[in-house]
């Protein structure tokens, strides 16, 4: 997982990382929950901003998942909702 985390961190600019962290915060996520999600699945920070918003909206607002539940299994955010 460490190698994936390094690749995710070095693969994008600081501005992109900050923008994606702000998306998580706009949905009410705390810094600890964001760290938990990144620790469990480092590539969740690599998801595009649009897909991240759509995924968070779907799972949190329509499916009523809790933030902690998503933070423990953030790989679902990378799934294609249109294909499922």
Protein backbone atom coordinates (compact mmCIF):
# COMPACT_ATOMS: atom_id res chain seq x y z
CA UNK A 1 0.00 0.00 0.00
CA UNK A 2 2.90 2.33 0.68
CA UNK A 3 3.98 2.19 -2.96
CA UNK A 4 0.45 3.04 -4.09
CA UNK A 5 0.34 5.95 -1.66
CA UNK A 6 3.65 7.36 -2.93
CA UNK A 7 2.50 7.00 -6.53
CA UNK A 8 -0.81 8.74 -5.77
CA UNK A 9 0.93 11.55 -3.89
CA UNK A 10 3.59 12.19 -6.53
CA UNK A 11 1.19 11.75 -9.43
CA UNK A 12 -0.69 15.01 -8.89
CA UNK A 13 0.00 18.62 -8.08
CA UNK A 14 -0.56 20.13 -4.65
CA UNK A 15 -3.46 22.21 -5.98
CA UNK A 16 -5.26 19.06 -7.19
CA UNK A 17 -4.73 17.32 -3.84
CA UNK A 18 -6.08 20.31 -1.94
CA UNK A 19 -9.10 20.55 -4.27
CA UNK A 20 -9.94 16.88 -3.72
CA UNK A 21 -9.55 17.17 0.03
CA UNK A 22 -11.94 20.13 -0.06
CA UNK A 23 -14.52 17.97 -1.85
CA UNK A 24 -14.36 15.46 1.00
CA UNK A 25 -14.68 18.28 3.53
CA UNK A 26 -17.68 19.76 1.68
CA UNK A 27 -19.51 16.49 2.41
CA UNK A 28 -18.76 16.85 6.12
CA UNK A 29 -15.72 14.59 6.34
CA UNK A 30 -13.22 15.28 9.11
CA UNK A 31 -9.46 15.14 8.54
CA UNK A 32 -9.31 11.85 10.47
CA UNK A 33 -11.93 10.26 8.19
CA UNK A 34 -10.07 11.47 5.10
CA UNK A 35 -6.82 10.01 6.44
CA UNK A 36 -8.57 6.71 7.18
CA UNK A 37 -9.91 6.51 3.62
CA UNK A 38 -6.50 7.30 2.12
CA UNK A 39 -4.81 4.82 4.42
CA UNK A 40 -7.26 2.06 3.43
CA UNK A 41 -7.17 2.84 -0.31
CA UNK A 42 -4.48 5.37 -1.31
CA UNK A 43 -5.77 5.62 -4.87
CA UNK A 44 -9.05 7.18 -3.66
CA UNK A 45 -7.27 10.52 -3.86
CA UNK A 46 -6.63 9.89 -7.58
CA UNK A 47 -10.33 9.77 -8.49
CA UNK A 48 -11.41 12.68 -10.69
CA UNK A 49 -13.18 15.54 -8.94
CA UNK A 50 -16.44 15.02 -10.83
CA UNK A 51 -16.53 11.28 -10.16
CA UNK A 52 -15.67 11.90 -6.51
CA UNK A 53 -18.57 14.34 -6.11
CA UNK A 54 -21.01 11.98 -7.85
CA UNK A 55 -19.85 9.01 -5.78
CA UNK A 56 -19.99 10.84 -2.47
CA UNK A 57 -23.41 12.26 -3.30
CA UNK A 58 -24.77 8.85 -4.30
CA UNK A 59 -23.45 6.87 -1.36
CA UNK A 60 -24.01 9.50 1.33
CA UNK A 61 -27.28 11.10 0.22
CA UNK A 62 -29.10 8.41 -1.76
CA UNK A 63 -27.81 5.24 -0.10
CA UNK A 64 -27.52 6.87 3.37
CA UNK A 65 -24.06 5.49 4.08
CA UNK A 66 -22.23 7.01 7.01
CA UNK A 67 -18.89 8.77 6.50
CA UNK A 68 -17.10 6.15 8.61
CA UNK A 69 -18.52 3.36 6.48
CA UNK A 70 -17.25 5.02 3.30
CA UNK A 71 -13.89 5.79 4.91
CA UNK A 72 -13.43 2.09 5.67
CA UNK A 73 -14.27 1.03 2.09
CA UNK A 74 -13.35 3.99 -0.15
CA UNK A 75 -12.76 1.73 -3.16
CA UNK A 76 -16.51 1.93 -3.93
CA UNK A 77 -15.99 5.57 -4.92
CA UNK A 78 -13.87 4.45 -7.85
CA UNK A 79 -16.58 2.16 -9.24
CA UNK A 80 -18.54 3.25 -12.29
CA UNK A 81 -22.10 3.94 -11.15
CA UNK A 82 -23.39 4.15 -14.72
CA UNK A 83 -22.22 0.62 -15.55
CA UNK A 84 -23.69 -0.94 -12.41
